[in-house]
Every structure is written in structure tokens, then in C-alpha cells.
């Protein structure tokens, strides 16, 4: 009996590493690093909350349990999308 070869990977999005400094994800065969300094919403999140990410409309990442939305374009060129964390910003 022969087994079939591995099929094509159908998931374009995968969290590949979570460290004390940030998270890494692969999206459409491209790797992105999201350091907690720039993406503080993930710093105290549970692993289950971080890995529960959805790709919406092919260009939008959404973490439902954290209520975090990121455009893929913001990962490509962060300078075009300044992030403001209103919960930790000094008033």
C-alpha cells in the first residue's frame, strides 16, 4: 500500500513563535515579527488568544478574543500606519 504525498498547505496564516519579546507569524509564505514594544496588545495575552487569529478579506488580521485588528499593509510598512494604544498612552 502506498500513501499519498503531502497535500498543499491550505492555511496562509500561522503563528510560528511566541517569545517574551514578541510574536512571529507567517502569512502567504512571508514571515513577520510583531515586537511587544510596537504591538503591546499581545504582551499579556494568553497563547490561546494569540493563536486565535483570522485572515479576513485576504488583507486583514483579526484576533477576536483580544479585539485587535491589523491590516497586512501595516506589517509591510509600519511607518504608514502609526499605532496608538489608547489604554496605555499617557493622558
Protein backbone atom coordinates (compact mmCIF):
# COMPACT_ATOMS: atom_id res chain seq x y z
CA UNK A 1 0.00 0.00 0.00
CA UNK A 2 1.34 3.42 -0.87
CA UNK A 3 0.32 6.60 0.81
CA UNK A 4 -0.37 9.81 -0.96
CA UNK A 5 2.13 12.63 -0.76
CA UNK A 6 1.53 15.59 1.44
CA UNK A 7 -1.08 17.97 0.13
CA UNK A 8 -0.76 21.67 -0.40
CA UNK A 9 -0.77 23.78 2.77
CA UNK A 10 -4.15 25.50 2.69
CA UNK A 11 -3.55 27.82 5.62
CA UNK A 12 -1.99 31.11 4.51
CA UNK A 13 -1.59 32.23 8.15
CA UNK A 14 0.29 30.64 11.04
CA UNK A 15 1.69 31.87 14.35
CA UNK A 16 5.13 30.27 14.40
CA UNK A 17 6.68 31.56 17.62
CA UNK A 18 5.74 33.43 20.78
CA UNK A 19 8.56 34.73 22.94
CA UNK A 20 8.98 37.21 25.77
CA UNK A 21 9.86 39.84 23.13
CA UNK A 22 7.11 39.35 20.56
CA UNK A 23 5.38 37.03 18.17
CA UNK A 24 6.24 35.73 14.71
CA UNK A 25 3.72 34.83 12.10
CA UNK A 26 3.86 33.54 8.56
CA UNK A 27 1.36 34.92 6.11
CA UNK A 28 1.37 33.84 2.47
CA UNK A 29 4.91 32.45 2.82
CA UNK A 30 6.25 35.70 4.30
CA UNK A 31 7.41 35.97 7.92
CA UNK A 32 6.53 38.94 10.14
CA UNK A 33 7.78 39.84 13.61
CA UNK A 34 5.49 41.77 15.92
CA UNK A 35 7.50 43.03 18.90
CA UNK A 36 5.53 43.82 22.03
CA UNK A 37 7.05 47.32 22.11
CA UNK A 38 5.17 48.13 18.90
CA UNK A 39 2.23 45.79 19.42
CA UNK A 40 1.53 45.97 23.19
CA UNK A 41 -1.87 44.27 22.90
CA UNK A 42 -0.14 40.90 22.72
CA UNK A 43 2.25 41.34 25.67
CA UNK A 44 -0.03 39.93 28.38
CA UNK A 45 -2.25 37.84 26.14
CA UNK A 46 -2.66 34.11 26.65
CA UNK A 47 -1.21 31.82 24.00
CA UNK A 48 -4.71 30.68 23.09
CA UNK A 49 -5.70 34.30 22.43
CA UNK A 50 -2.67 34.95 20.22
CA UNK A 51 -3.04 31.84 18.08
CA UNK A 52 -6.75 32.53 17.56
CA UNK A 53 -6.20 34.83 14.58
CA UNK A 54 -8.30 35.10 11.46
CA UNK A 55 -7.45 36.37 7.99
CA UNK A 56 -10.39 38.39 6.75
CA UNK A 57 -10.90 39.52 3.15
CA UNK A 58 -7.35 38.46 2.30
CA UNK A 59 -5.74 41.59 3.80
CA UNK A 60 -6.97 41.97 7.36
CA UNK A 61 -5.82 40.12 10.51
CA UNK A 62 -8.25 39.88 13.41
CA UNK A 63 -7.75 38.47 16.91
CA UNK A 64 -11.36 38.13 18.17
CA UNK A 65 -10.54 37.38 21.81
CA UNK A 66 -8.21 40.40 22.01
CA UNK A 67 -10.32 42.65 19.74
CA UNK A 68 -7.18 43.53 17.75
CA UNK A 69 -7.30 44.38 14.05
CA UNK A 70 -4.25 44.81 11.82
CA UNK A 71 -4.06 45.47 8.12
CA UNK A 72 -1.40 43.38 6.38
CA UNK A 73 -0.17 46.61 4.78
CA UNK A 74 0.69 47.87 8.29
CA UNK A 75 3.05 44.92 8.71
CA UNK A 76 4.64 45.64 5.34
CA UNK A 77 5.21 49.37 6.02
CA UNK A 78 4.55 50.27 9.68
CA UNK A 79 5.57 53.91 9.15
CA UNK A 80 2.40 54.43 7.10
CA UNK A 81 0.21 53.20 9.96
CA UNK A 82 1.18 54.80 13.28
CA UNK A 83 -0.23 52.75 16.12
CA UNK A 84 -1.71 54.46 19.16
CA UNK A 85 -2.57 52.35 22.17
CA UNK A 86 -5.16 54.45 23.96
CA UNK A 87 -5.21 52.17 27.00
CA UNK A 88 -1.54 52.64 27.90
CA UNK A 89 -0.95 56.12 26.47
CA UNK A 90 -0.13 58.88 28.95
CA UNK A 91 -3.02 61.33 29.27
